[in-house]
Every structure is written in structure tokens, then in C-alpha cells.
All heavy atoms as atom14 arrays in JSON, in Angstrom:
{
  "sequence": "VKMSYGTVNSWGVEGRAEVPDWVEPFIANYIKAQKLDAIEKIIQDKEI",
  "atom14_mask": [
    [1, 1, 1, 1, 1, 1, 1, 0, 0, 0, 0, 0, 0, 0],
    [1, 1, 1, 1, 1, 1, 1, 1, 1, 0, 0, 0, 0, 0],
    [1, 1, 1, 1, 1, 1, 1, 1, 0, 0, 0, 0, 0, 0],
    [1, 1, 1, 1, 1, 1, 0, 0, 0, 0, 0, 0, 0, 0],
    [1, 1, 1, 1, 1, 1, 1, 1, 1, 1, 1, 1, 0, 0],
    [1, 1, 1, 1, 0, 0, 0, 0, 0, 0, 0, 0, 0, 0],
    [1, 1, 1, 1, 1, 1, 1, 0, 0, 0, 0, 0, 0, 0],
    [1, 1, 1, 1, 1, 1, 1, 0, 0, 0, 0, 0, 0, 0],
    [1, 1, 1, 1, 1, 1, 1, 1, 0, 0, 0, 0, 0, 0],
    [1, 1, 1, 1, 1, 1, 0, 0, 0, 0, 0, 0, 0, 0],
    [1, 1, 1, 1, 1, 1, 1, 1, 1, 1, 1, 1, 1, 1],
    [1, 1, 1, 1, 0, 0, 0, 0, 0, 0, 0, 0, 0, 0],
    [1, 1, 1, 1, 1, 1, 1, 0, 0, 0, 0, 0, 0, 0],
    [1, 1, 1, 1, 1, 1, 1, 1, 1, 0, 0, 0, 0, 0],
    [1, 1, 1, 1, 0, 0, 0, 0, 0, 0, 0, 0, 0, 0],
    [1, 1, 1, 1, 1, 1, 1, 1, 1, 1, 1, 0, 0, 0],
    [1, 1, 1, 1, 1, 0, 0, 0, 0, 0, 0, 0, 0, 0],
    [1, 1, 1, 1, 1, 1, 1, 1, 1, 0, 0, 0, 0, 0],
    [1, 1, 1, 1, 1, 1, 1, 0, 0, 0, 0, 0, 0, 0],
    [1, 1, 1, 1, 1, 1, 1, 0, 0, 0, 0, 0, 0, 0],
    [1, 1, 1, 1, 1, 1, 1, 1, 0, 0, 0, 0, 0, 0],
    [1, 1, 1, 1, 1, 1, 1, 1, 1, 1, 1, 1, 1, 1],
    [1, 1, 1, 1, 1, 1, 1, 0, 0, 0, 0, 0, 0, 0],
    [1, 1, 1, 1, 1, 1, 1, 1, 1, 0, 0, 0, 0, 0],
    [1, 1, 1, 1, 1, 1, 1, 0, 0, 0, 0, 0, 0, 0],
    [1, 1, 1, 1, 1, 1, 1, 1, 1, 1, 1, 0, 0, 0],
    [1, 1, 1, 1, 1, 1, 1, 1, 0, 0, 0, 0, 0, 0],
    [1, 1, 1, 1, 1, 0, 0, 0, 0, 0, 0, 0, 0, 0],
    [1, 1, 1, 1, 1, 1, 1, 1, 0, 0, 0, 0, 0, 0],
    [1, 1, 1, 1, 1, 1, 1, 1, 1, 1, 1, 1, 0, 0],
    [1, 1, 1, 1, 1, 1, 1, 1, 0, 0, 0, 0, 0, 0],
    [1, 1, 1, 1, 1, 1, 1, 1, 1, 0, 0, 0, 0, 0],
    [1, 1, 1, 1, 1, 0, 0, 0, 0, 0, 0, 0, 0, 0],
    [1, 1, 1, 1, 1, 1, 1, 1, 1, 0, 0, 0, 0, 0],
    [1, 1, 1, 1, 1, 1, 1, 1, 1, 0, 0, 0, 0, 0],
    [1, 1, 1, 1, 1, 1, 1, 1, 0, 0, 0, 0, 0, 0],
    [1, 1, 1, 1, 1, 1, 1, 1, 0, 0, 0, 0, 0, 0],
    [1, 1, 1, 1, 1, 0, 0, 0, 0, 0, 0, 0, 0, 0],
    [1, 1, 1, 1, 1, 1, 1, 1, 0, 0, 0, 0, 0, 0],
    [1, 1, 1, 1, 1, 1, 1, 1, 1, 0, 0, 0, 0, 0],
    [1, 1, 1, 1, 1, 1, 1, 1, 1, 0, 0, 0, 0, 0],
    [1, 1, 1, 1, 1, 1, 1, 1, 0, 0, 0, 0, 0, 0],
    [1, 1, 1, 1, 1, 1, 1, 1, 0, 0, 0, 0, 0, 0],
    [1, 1, 1, 1, 1, 1, 1, 1, 1, 0, 0, 0, 0, 0],
    [1, 1, 1, 1, 1, 1, 1, 1, 0, 0, 0, 0, 0, 0],
    [1, 1, 1, 1, 1, 1, 1, 1, 1, 0, 0, 0, 0, 0],
    [1, 1, 1, 1, 1, 1, 1, 1, 1, 0, 0, 0, 0, 0],
    [1, 1, 1, 1, 1, 1, 1, 1, 0, 0, 0, 0, 0, 0]
  ],
  "atom14_positions": [
    [[-37.45, -4.52, -58.04], [-37.16, -5.78, -58.6], [-36.98, -6.86, -57.41], [-36.63, -7.96, -57.65], [-35.89, -5.8, -59.44], [-36.04, -4.96, -60.62], [-34.6, -5.41, -58.66], [0.0, 0.0, 0.0], [0.0, 0.0, 0.0], [0.0, 0.0, 0.0], [0.0, 0.0, 0.0], [0.0, 0.0, 0.0], [0.0, 0.0, 0.0], [0.0, 0.0, 0.0]],
    [[-37.37, -6.46, -56.16], [-37.42, -7.35, -55.06], [-35.99, -7.99, -54.77], [-35.76, -9.16, -54.71], [-38.41, -8.37, -55.12], [-39.75, -7.71, -55.23], [-40.95, -8.76, -55.09], [-42.35, -8.18, -55.25], [-42.58, -6.95, -55.06], [0.0, 0.0, 0.0], [0.0, 0.0, 0.0], [0.0, 0.0, 0.0], [0.0, 0.0, 0.0], [0.0, 0.0, 0.0]],
    [[-34.87, -7.05, -54.83], [-33.62, -7.57, -54.55], [-33.0, -6.69, -53.37], [-33.57, -5.63, -53.07], [-32.68, -7.33, -55.7], [-33.06, -8.2, -56.97], [-31.79, -7.97, -58.29], [-30.48, -8.98, -57.72], [0.0, 0.0, 0.0], [0.0, 0.0, 0.0], [0.0, 0.0, 0.0], [0.0, 0.0, 0.0], [0.0, 0.0, 0.0], [0.0, 0.0, 0.0]],
    [[-31.93, -7.13, -52.76], [-31.38, -6.3, -51.62], [-30.75, -5.13, -52.23], [-30.18, -5.23, -53.37], [-30.5, -7.24, -50.84], [-29.24, -7.41, -51.55], [0.0, 0.0, 0.0], [0.0, 0.0, 0.0], [0.0, 0.0, 0.0], [0.0, 0.0, 0.0], [0.0, 0.0, 0.0], [0.0, 0.0, 0.0], [0.0, 0.0, 0.0], [0.0, 0.0, 0.0]],
    [[-30.79, -3.96, -51.54], [-30.09, -2.82, -51.96], [-28.63, -3.11, -52.08], [-27.94, -2.62, -53.12], [-30.34, -1.65, -50.99], [-29.43, -0.41, -51.23], [-29.72, 0.34, -52.35], [-28.46, -0.12, -50.43], [-28.91, 1.38, -52.62], [-27.64, 0.98, -50.74], [-27.86, 1.73, -51.87], [-27.05, 2.88, -52.04], [0.0, 0.0, 0.0], [0.0, 0.0, 0.0]],
    [[-27.98, -3.85, -51.18], [-26.55, -4.1, -51.28], [-26.13, -4.76, -52.51], [-25.03, -4.49, -53.11], [0.0, 0.0, 0.0], [0.0, 0.0, 0.0], [0.0, 0.0, 0.0], [0.0, 0.0, 0.0], [0.0, 0.0, 0.0], [0.0, 0.0, 0.0], [0.0, 0.0, 0.0], [0.0, 0.0, 0.0], [0.0, 0.0, 0.0], [0.0, 0.0, 0.0]],
    [[-26.92, -5.8, -52.97], [-26.68, -6.42, -54.23], [-26.63, -5.42, -55.42], [-25.82, -5.36, -56.2], [-27.76, -7.47, -54.57], [-27.62, -8.47, -53.47], [-27.49, -8.17, -55.86], [0.0, 0.0, 0.0], [0.0, 0.0, 0.0], [0.0, 0.0, 0.0], [0.0, 0.0, 0.0], [0.0, 0.0, 0.0], [0.0, 0.0, 0.0], [0.0, 0.0, 0.0]],
    [[-27.8, -4.56, -55.54], [-27.89, -3.63, -56.71], [-26.76, -2.58, -56.51], [-26.16, -2.27, -57.52], [-29.22, -2.98, -56.65], [-29.28, -1.9, -57.58], [-30.37, -4.06, -56.85], [0.0, 0.0, 0.0], [0.0, 0.0, 0.0], [0.0, 0.0, 0.0], [0.0, 0.0, 0.0], [0.0, 0.0, 0.0], [0.0, 0.0, 0.0], [0.0, 0.0, 0.0]],
    [[-26.48, -2.23, -55.26], [-25.4, -1.17, -55.18], [-24.09, -1.69, -55.44], [-23.18, -0.93, -55.94], [-25.37, -0.68, -53.67], [-24.69, 0.59, -53.51], [-24.79, 1.54, -54.34], [-23.91, 0.7, -52.53], [0.0, 0.0, 0.0], [0.0, 0.0, 0.0], [0.0, 0.0, 0.0], [0.0, 0.0, 0.0], [0.0, 0.0, 0.0], [0.0, 0.0, 0.0]],
    [[-23.79, -2.96, -55.47], [-22.52, -3.46, -55.79], [-22.31, -3.61, -57.29], [-21.11, -3.9, -57.72], [-22.26, -4.97, -54.98], [-23.14, -5.9, -55.61], [0.0, 0.0, 0.0], [0.0, 0.0, 0.0], [0.0, 0.0, 0.0], [0.0, 0.0, 0.0], [0.0, 0.0, 0.0], [0.0, 0.0, 0.0], [0.0, 0.0, 0.0], [0.0, 0.0, 0.0]],
    [[-23.32, -3.69, -57.95], [-23.23, -3.82, -59.42], [-22.31, -2.81, -60.16], [-22.34, -1.56, -59.8], [-24.52, -3.77, -60.21], [-25.52, -4.85, -59.9], [-25.18, -6.13, -59.41], [-26.94, -4.92, -60.19], [-26.3, -6.87, -59.31], [-27.32, -6.21, -59.75], [-27.7, -4.0, -60.75], [-28.71, -6.56, -59.93], [-29.05, -4.26, -60.73], [-29.51, -5.57, -60.42]],
    [[-21.33, -3.17, -61.0], [-20.56, -2.25, -61.75], [-19.43, -1.75, -60.88], [-18.51, -1.07, -61.42], [0.0, 0.0, 0.0], [0.0, 0.0, 0.0], [0.0, 0.0, 0.0], [0.0, 0.0, 0.0], [0.0, 0.0, 0.0], [0.0, 0.0, 0.0], [0.0, 0.0, 0.0], [0.0, 0.0, 0.0], [0.0, 0.0, 0.0], [0.0, 0.0, 0.0]],
    [[-19.39, -2.03, -59.63], [-18.26, -1.55, -58.74], [-17.0, -2.39, -59.08], [-17.11, -3.68, -59.14], [-18.51, -1.55, -57.24], [-17.44, -1.19, -56.39], [-19.7, -0.74, -56.99], [0.0, 0.0, 0.0], [0.0, 0.0, 0.0], [0.0, 0.0, 0.0], [0.0, 0.0, 0.0], [0.0, 0.0, 0.0], [0.0, 0.0, 0.0], [0.0, 0.0, 0.0]],
    [[-15.91, -1.76, -59.27], [-14.62, -2.49, -59.57], [-14.35, -3.67, -58.68], [-14.5, -3.63, -57.35], [-13.46, -1.51, -59.58], [-12.2, -2.18, -60.15], [-11.14, -1.14, -60.14], [-11.35, 0.07, -60.43], [-9.91, -1.51, -60.04], [0.0, 0.0, 0.0], [0.0, 0.0, 0.0], [0.0, 0.0, 0.0], [0.0, 0.0, 0.0], [0.0, 0.0, 0.0]],
    [[-14.23, -4.82, -59.39], [-13.98, -6.03, -58.58], [-15.25, -6.92, -58.07], [-15.15, -7.79, -57.58], [0.0, 0.0, 0.0], [0.0, 0.0, 0.0], [0.0, 0.0, 0.0], [0.0, 0.0, 0.0], [0.0, 0.0, 0.0], [0.0, 0.0, 0.0], [0.0, 0.0, 0.0], [0.0, 0.0, 0.0], [0.0, 0.0, 0.0], [0.0, 0.0, 0.0]],
    [[-16.38, -6.31, -58.54], [-17.65, -6.91, -58.12], [-18.4, -7.29, -59.26], [-18.01, -7.14, -60.39], [-18.42, -5.96, -57.22], [-17.68, -5.76, -55.98], [-18.54, -5.21, -54.85], [-17.8, -4.98, -53.56], [-18.5, -4.54, -52.6], [-19.79, -4.26, -52.54], [-17.9, -4.24, -51.52], [0.0, 0.0, 0.0], [0.0, 0.0, 0.0], [0.0, 0.0, 0.0]],
    [[-19.54, -7.79, -59.1], [-20.45, -8.24, -60.25], [-20.76, -7.07, -61.21], [-20.88, -6.02, -60.7], [-21.7, -8.88, -59.71], [0.0, 0.0, 0.0], [0.0, 0.0, 0.0], [0.0, 0.0, 0.0], [0.0, 0.0, 0.0], [0.0, 0.0, 0.0], [0.0, 0.0, 0.0], [0.0, 0.0, 0.0], [0.0, 0.0, 0.0], [0.0, 0.0, 0.0]],
    [[-20.83, -7.45, -62.46], [-21.22, -6.46, -63.39], [-22.81, -6.31, -63.32], [-23.59, -7.14, -62.72], [-20.87, -6.93, -64.83], [-19.4, -6.99, -65.1], [-19.15, -7.53, -66.42], [-20.02, -7.58, -67.39], [-18.0, -7.83, -66.72], [0.0, 0.0, 0.0], [0.0, 0.0, 0.0], [0.0, 0.0, 0.0], [0.0, 0.0, 0.0], [0.0, 0.0, 0.0]],
    [[-23.29, -5.12, -63.97], [-24.75, -5.05, -63.94], [-25.27, -6.15, -64.87], [-24.85, -6.34, -65.99], [-25.11, -3.59, -64.59], [-26.56, -3.44, -64.81], [-24.55, -2.55, -63.87], [0.0, 0.0, 0.0], [0.0, 0.0, 0.0], [0.0, 0.0, 0.0], [0.0, 0.0, 0.0], [0.0, 0.0, 0.0], [0.0, 0.0, 0.0], [0.0, 0.0, 0.0]],
    [[-26.28, -6.88, -64.4], [-26.77, -8.11, -65.12], [-27.44, -7.63, -66.42], [-27.94, -6.54, -66.67], [-27.96, -8.63, -64.22], [-27.56, -8.11, -62.88], [-26.89, -6.82, -63.07], [0.0, 0.0, 0.0], [0.0, 0.0, 0.0], [0.0, 0.0, 0.0], [0.0, 0.0, 0.0], [0.0, 0.0, 0.0], [0.0, 0.0, 0.0], [0.0, 0.0, 0.0]],
    [[-27.42, -8.62, -67.41], [-27.89, -8.31, -68.82], [-29.42, -8.07, -68.75], [-29.91, -7.42, -69.72], [-27.63, -9.5, -69.71], [-26.18, -9.68, -70.02], [-25.44, -8.71, -69.87], [-25.73, -10.83, -70.37], [0.0, 0.0, 0.0], [0.0, 0.0, 0.0], [0.0, 0.0, 0.0], [0.0, 0.0, 0.0], [0.0, 0.0, 0.0], [0.0, 0.0, 0.0]],
    [[-30.12, -8.49, -67.81], [-31.65, -8.32, -67.79], [-32.1, -6.93, -67.42], [-33.24, -6.68, -67.64], [-32.32, -9.41, -66.95], [-31.91, -9.33, -65.44], [-30.89, -10.03, -64.87], [-32.45, -8.41, -64.39], [-30.84, -9.69, -63.44], [-31.72, -8.74, -63.24], [-33.43, -7.39, -64.39], [-32.06, -7.96, -62.08], [-33.7, -6.71, -63.35], [-33.0, -7.07, -62.09]],
    [[-31.15, -6.15, -66.83], [-31.56, -4.89, -66.32], [-31.94, -3.9, -67.5], [-33.04, -3.23, -67.25], [-30.35, -4.24, -65.56], [-30.65, -2.78, -65.16], [-30.15, -5.05, -64.26], [0.0, 0.0, 0.0], [0.0, 0.0, 0.0], [0.0, 0.0, 0.0], [0.0, 0.0, 0.0], [0.0, 0.0, 0.0], [0.0, 0.0, 0.0], [0.0, 0.0, 0.0]],
    [[-31.23, -3.84, -68.46], [-31.61, -2.89, -69.56], [-33.01, -3.22, -70.2], [-33.79, -2.43, -70.32], [-30.52, -2.94, -70.66], [-30.73, -1.88, -71.67], [-29.55, -1.64, -72.57], [-28.52, -2.46, -72.56], [-29.52, -0.71, -73.43], [0.0, 0.0, 0.0], [0.0, 0.0, 0.0], [0.0, 0.0, 0.0], [0.0, 0.0, 0.0], [0.0, 0.0, 0.0]],
    [[-33.22, -4.49, -70.63], [-34.59, -4.77, -71.1], [-35.7, -4.54, -69.98], [-36.77, -4.11, -70.36], [-34.62, -6.22, -71.51], [-33.32, -6.83, -71.12], [-32.41, -5.64, -70.68], [0.0, 0.0, 0.0], [0.0, 0.0, 0.0], [0.0, 0.0, 0.0], [0.0, 0.0, 0.0], [0.0, 0.0, 0.0], [0.0, 0.0, 0.0], [0.0, 0.0, 0.0]],
    [[-35.44, -4.92, -68.69], [-36.43, -4.55, -67.7], [-36.76, -3.11, -67.6], [-37.97, -2.71, -67.55], [-35.79, -5.01, -66.38], [-36.85, -4.85, -65.23], [-37.65, -5.75, -64.8], [-36.76, -3.64, -64.48], [-38.59, -5.54, -63.83], [-37.72, -3.41, -63.49], [-38.54, -4.27, -63.13], [0.0, 0.0, 0.0], [0.0, 0.0, 0.0], [0.0, 0.0, 0.0]],
    [[-35.72, -2.21, -67.63], [-36.04, -0.78, -67.58], [-36.76, -0.34, -68.84], [-37.6, 0.47, -68.79], [-34.68, -0.05, -67.37], [-34.24, -0.23, -65.97], [-34.97, 1.53, -67.49], [-32.91, 0.37, -65.62], [0.0, 0.0, 0.0], [0.0, 0.0, 0.0], [0.0, 0.0, 0.0], [0.0, 0.0, 0.0], [0.0, 0.0, 0.0], [0.0, 0.0, 0.0]],
    [[-36.43, -0.9, -70.05], [-37.05, -0.62, -71.27], [-38.58, -0.89, -71.16], [-39.57, -0.2, -71.48], [-36.45, -1.32, -72.43], [0.0, 0.0, 0.0], [0.0, 0.0, 0.0], [0.0, 0.0, 0.0], [0.0, 0.0, 0.0], [0.0, 0.0, 0.0], [0.0, 0.0, 0.0], [0.0, 0.0, 0.0], [0.0, 0.0, 0.0], [0.0, 0.0, 0.0]],
    [[-38.89, -2.04, -70.65], [-40.21, -2.45, -70.34], [-41.0, -1.66, -69.37], [-42.15, -1.33, -69.45], [-40.36, -3.9, -70.09], [-40.19, -4.8, -71.29], [-40.75, -4.37, -72.39], [-39.47, -5.82, -71.12], [0.0, 0.0, 0.0], [0.0, 0.0, 0.0], [0.0, 0.0, 0.0], [0.0, 0.0, 0.0], [0.0, 0.0, 0.0], [0.0, 0.0, 0.0]],
    [[-40.28, -1.23, -68.29], [-40.71, -0.25, -67.23], [-41.18, 1.04, -67.81], [-42.28, 1.53, -67.5], [-39.61, -0.18, -66.21], [-40.12, 0.79, -65.06], [-40.88, 0.2, -64.0], [-39.73, 2.09, -65.0], [-41.19, 1.05, -62.95], [-40.1, 2.92, -63.87], [-40.81, 2.5, -62.96], [-41.25, 3.23, -61.85], [0.0, 0.0, 0.0], [0.0, 0.0, 0.0]],
    [[-40.35, 1.58, -68.81], [-40.69, 2.82, -69.39], [-42.02, 2.6, -70.24], [-42.85, 3.39, -70.26], [-39.48, 3.22, -70.35], [-38.33, 3.65, -69.54], [-39.95, 4.39, -71.27], [-37.04, 3.87, -70.18], [0.0, 0.0, 0.0], [0.0, 0.0, 0.0], [0.0, 0.0, 0.0], [0.0, 0.0, 0.0], [0.0, 0.0, 0.0], [0.0, 0.0, 0.0]],
    [[-41.99, 1.47, -70.93], [-43.3, 1.24, -71.89], [-44.54, 1.18, -70.92], [-45.52, 1.67, -71.21], [-43.18, -0.07, -72.6], [-42.1, 0.08, -73.73], [-42.03, -1.28, -74.45], [-41.03, -1.24, -75.56], [-40.87, -2.54, -76.33], [0.0, 0.0, 0.0], [0.0, 0.0, 0.0], [0.0, 0.0, 0.0], [0.0, 0.0, 0.0], [0.0, 0.0, 0.0]],
    [[-44.4, 0.47, -69.78], [-45.46, 0.32, -68.8], [-45.91, 1.7, -68.38], [-47.17, 1.92, -68.26], [-45.1, -0.66, -67.72], [0.0, 0.0, 0.0], [0.0, 0.0, 0.0], [0.0, 0.0, 0.0], [0.0, 0.0, 0.0], [0.0, 0.0, 0.0], [0.0, 0.0, 0.0], [0.0, 0.0, 0.0], [0.0, 0.0, 0.0], [0.0, 0.0, 0.0]],
    [[-44.96, 2.57, -68.0], [-45.35, 3.92, -67.55], [-46.12, 4.65, -68.6], [-47.15, 5.32, -68.32], [-44.15, 4.7, -67.24], [-43.46, 4.2, -65.82], [-42.27, 5.19, -65.55], [-41.55, 5.41, -66.35], [-42.1, 5.52, -64.26], [0.0, 0.0, 0.0], [0.0, 0.0, 0.0], [0.0, 0.0, 0.0], [0.0, 0.0, 0.0], [0.0, 0.0, 0.0]],
    [[-45.72, 4.54, -69.92], [-46.41, 5.13, -70.95], [-47.81, 4.68, -71.13], [-48.73, 5.48, -71.31], [-45.57, 5.11, -72.28], [-44.28, 5.88, -72.29], [-43.44, 5.72, -73.55], [-42.21, 6.4, -73.56], [-41.45, 6.25, -74.76], [0.0, 0.0, 0.0], [0.0, 0.0, 0.0], [0.0, 0.0, 0.0], [0.0, 0.0, 0.0], [0.0, 0.0, 0.0]],
    [[-47.94, 3.32, -71.12], [-49.24, 2.72, -71.26], [-50.23, 3.09, -70.08], [-51.36, 3.32, -70.33], [-49.1, 1.19, -71.32], [-48.48, 0.59, -72.64], [-48.22, -0.78, -72.56], [-49.37, 0.99, -73.81], [0.0, 0.0, 0.0], [0.0, 0.0, 0.0], [0.0, 0.0, 0.0], [0.0, 0.0, 0.0], [0.0, 0.0, 0.0], [0.0, 0.0, 0.0]],
    [[-49.6, 3.15, -68.88], [-50.41, 3.61, -67.76], [-50.84, 5.06, -68.04], [-52.13, 5.43, -67.65], [-49.65, 3.61, -66.48], [-49.36, 2.21, -65.9], [-50.08, 1.17, -66.42], [-48.52, 1.94, -65.0], [0.0, 0.0, 0.0], [0.0, 0.0, 0.0], [0.0, 0.0, 0.0], [0.0, 0.0, 0.0], [0.0, 0.0, 0.0], [0.0, 0.0, 0.0]],
    [[-50.08, 5.89, -68.54], [-50.49, 7.31, -68.76], [-51.53, 7.37, -69.99], [-52.45, 8.11, -69.67], [-49.24, 8.06, -69.2], [0.0, 0.0, 0.0], [0.0, 0.0, 0.0], [0.0, 0.0, 0.0], [0.0, 0.0, 0.0], [0.0, 0.0, 0.0], [0.0, 0.0, 0.0], [0.0, 0.0, 0.0], [0.0, 0.0, 0.0], [0.0, 0.0, 0.0]],
    [[-51.5, 6.59, -70.95], [-52.47, 6.44, -71.92], [-53.77, 6.01, -71.26], [-54.91, 6.49, -71.65], [-52.05, 5.57, -73.11], [-50.85, 6.25, -73.85], [-53.19, 5.29, -74.07], [-50.12, 5.26, -74.89], [0.0, 0.0, 0.0], [0.0, 0.0, 0.0], [0.0, 0.0, 0.0], [0.0, 0.0, 0.0], [0.0, 0.0, 0.0], [0.0, 0.0, 0.0]],
    [[-53.67, 4.9, -70.57], [-54.91, 4.47, -69.87], [-55.62, 5.4, -69.07], [-56.75, 5.52, -69.03], [-54.57, 3.13, -69.0], [-55.82, 2.5, -68.32], [-55.39, 1.33, -67.47], [-54.24, 1.37, -66.85], [-56.16, 0.37, -67.47], [0.0, 0.0, 0.0], [0.0, 0.0, 0.0], [0.0, 0.0, 0.0], [0.0, 0.0, 0.0], [0.0, 0.0, 0.0]],
    [[-54.83, 6.23, -68.33], [-55.35, 7.3, -67.43], [-56.15, 8.32, -68.39], [-57.25, 8.69, -67.96], [-54.43, 7.99, -66.61], [-54.94, 8.89, -65.67], [-53.92, 9.53, -64.78], [-54.35, 10.57, -63.86], [-55.7, 11.2, -63.87], [0.0, 0.0, 0.0], [0.0, 0.0, 0.0], [0.0, 0.0, 0.0], [0.0, 0.0, 0.0], [0.0, 0.0, 0.0]],
    [[-55.58, 8.65, -69.48], [-56.19, 9.62, -70.3], [-57.47, 9.18, -70.88], [-58.52, 9.74, -70.94], [-55.17, 9.95, -71.56], [-54.06, 10.89, -70.97], [-55.97, 10.77, -72.58], [-52.79, 10.9, -72.03], [0.0, 0.0, 0.0], [0.0, 0.0, 0.0], [0.0, 0.0, 0.0], [0.0, 0.0, 0.0], [0.0, 0.0, 0.0], [0.0, 0.0, 0.0]],
    [[-57.47, 7.86, -71.29], [-58.69, 7.24, -71.87], [-59.78, 7.18, -70.72], [-60.94, 7.45, -70.98], [-58.45, 5.87, -72.38], [-57.53, 5.89, -73.6], [-59.7, 5.08, -72.64], [-56.95, 4.55, -74.16], [0.0, 0.0, 0.0], [0.0, 0.0, 0.0], [0.0, 0.0, 0.0], [0.0, 0.0, 0.0], [0.0, 0.0, 0.0], [0.0, 0.0, 0.0]],
    [[-59.42, 6.78, -69.52], [-60.38, 6.74, -68.46], [-61.0, 8.12, -68.06], [-62.06, 8.26, -67.81], [-59.77, 6.07, -67.2], [-59.49, 4.57, -67.29], [-58.71, 4.0, -66.17], [-58.28, 4.69, -65.27], [-58.68, 2.75, -66.13], [0.0, 0.0, 0.0], [0.0, 0.0, 0.0], [0.0, 0.0, 0.0], [0.0, 0.0, 0.0], [0.0, 0.0, 0.0]],
    [[-60.0, 9.13, -68.09], [-60.59, 10.44, -67.84], [-61.36, 10.97, -68.9], [-62.39, 11.73, -68.57], [-59.34, 11.45, -67.67], [-58.49, 11.22, -66.49], [-58.97, 10.43, -65.67], [-57.42, 11.81, -66.47], [0.0, 0.0, 0.0], [0.0, 0.0, 0.0], [0.0, 0.0, 0.0], [0.0, 0.0, 0.0], [0.0, 0.0, 0.0], [0.0, 0.0, 0.0]],
    [[-61.4, 10.59, -70.14], [-62.25, 11.01, -71.26], [-63.66, 10.25, -71.07], [-64.56, 10.73, -71.61], [-61.6, 10.75, -72.6], [-60.53, 11.68, -72.81], [-60.1, 11.55, -74.26], [-59.04, 12.72, -74.53], [-58.7, 12.91, -75.86], [0.0, 0.0, 0.0], [0.0, 0.0, 0.0], [0.0, 0.0, 0.0], [0.0, 0.0, 0.0], [0.0, 0.0, 0.0]],
    [[-63.58, 9.04, -70.48], [-64.93, 8.35, -70.38], [-65.74, 8.92, -69.29], [-67.04, 8.69, -69.22], [-64.57, 6.85, -70.06], [-63.95, 6.17, -71.23], [-63.56, 4.7, -70.93], [-63.67, 4.3, -69.77], [-63.17, 3.99, -71.81], [0.0, 0.0, 0.0], [0.0, 0.0, 0.0], [0.0, 0.0, 0.0], [0.0, 0.0, 0.0], [0.0, 0.0, 0.0]],
    [[-65.14, 9.72, -68.34], [-65.99, 10.23, -67.19], [-66.82, 11.32, -67.67], [-66.75, 12.06, -68.53], [-65.06, 10.63, -66.09], [-64.43, 9.43, -65.51], [-65.82, 11.38, -65.04], [-63.36, 9.6, -64.39], [0.0, 0.0, 0.0], [0.0, 0.0, 0.0], [0.0, 0.0, 0.0], [0.0, 0.0, 0.0], [0.0, 0.0, 0.0], [0.0, 0.0, 0.0]]
  ]
}
């Protein structure tokens, strides 16, 4: 996500920033993208 490790590492730690709201949908889309990449690879492999 192009953020500093220190920022991400501080999320959710008592007295510091909470985990941002955008993280959960980002990871959900990351999972979908991984699945689509896998499907694309299967399709490409069958075309060869």
C-alpha cells in the first residue's frame, strides 16, 4: 500500500491510531484480484 512500516505497525496499538476503515475492503479486493489472476493463468495455460 506504499506506506511506512512504522505507520502500519502502529495501527491498533493501545493509545495509537486505529486500523483505518479502508483496510478491510482493500484486502477483500486483493483477495478477488488474486483469484482473478489464478483464473486468468488457467485460461492462458489452456490456450497454449
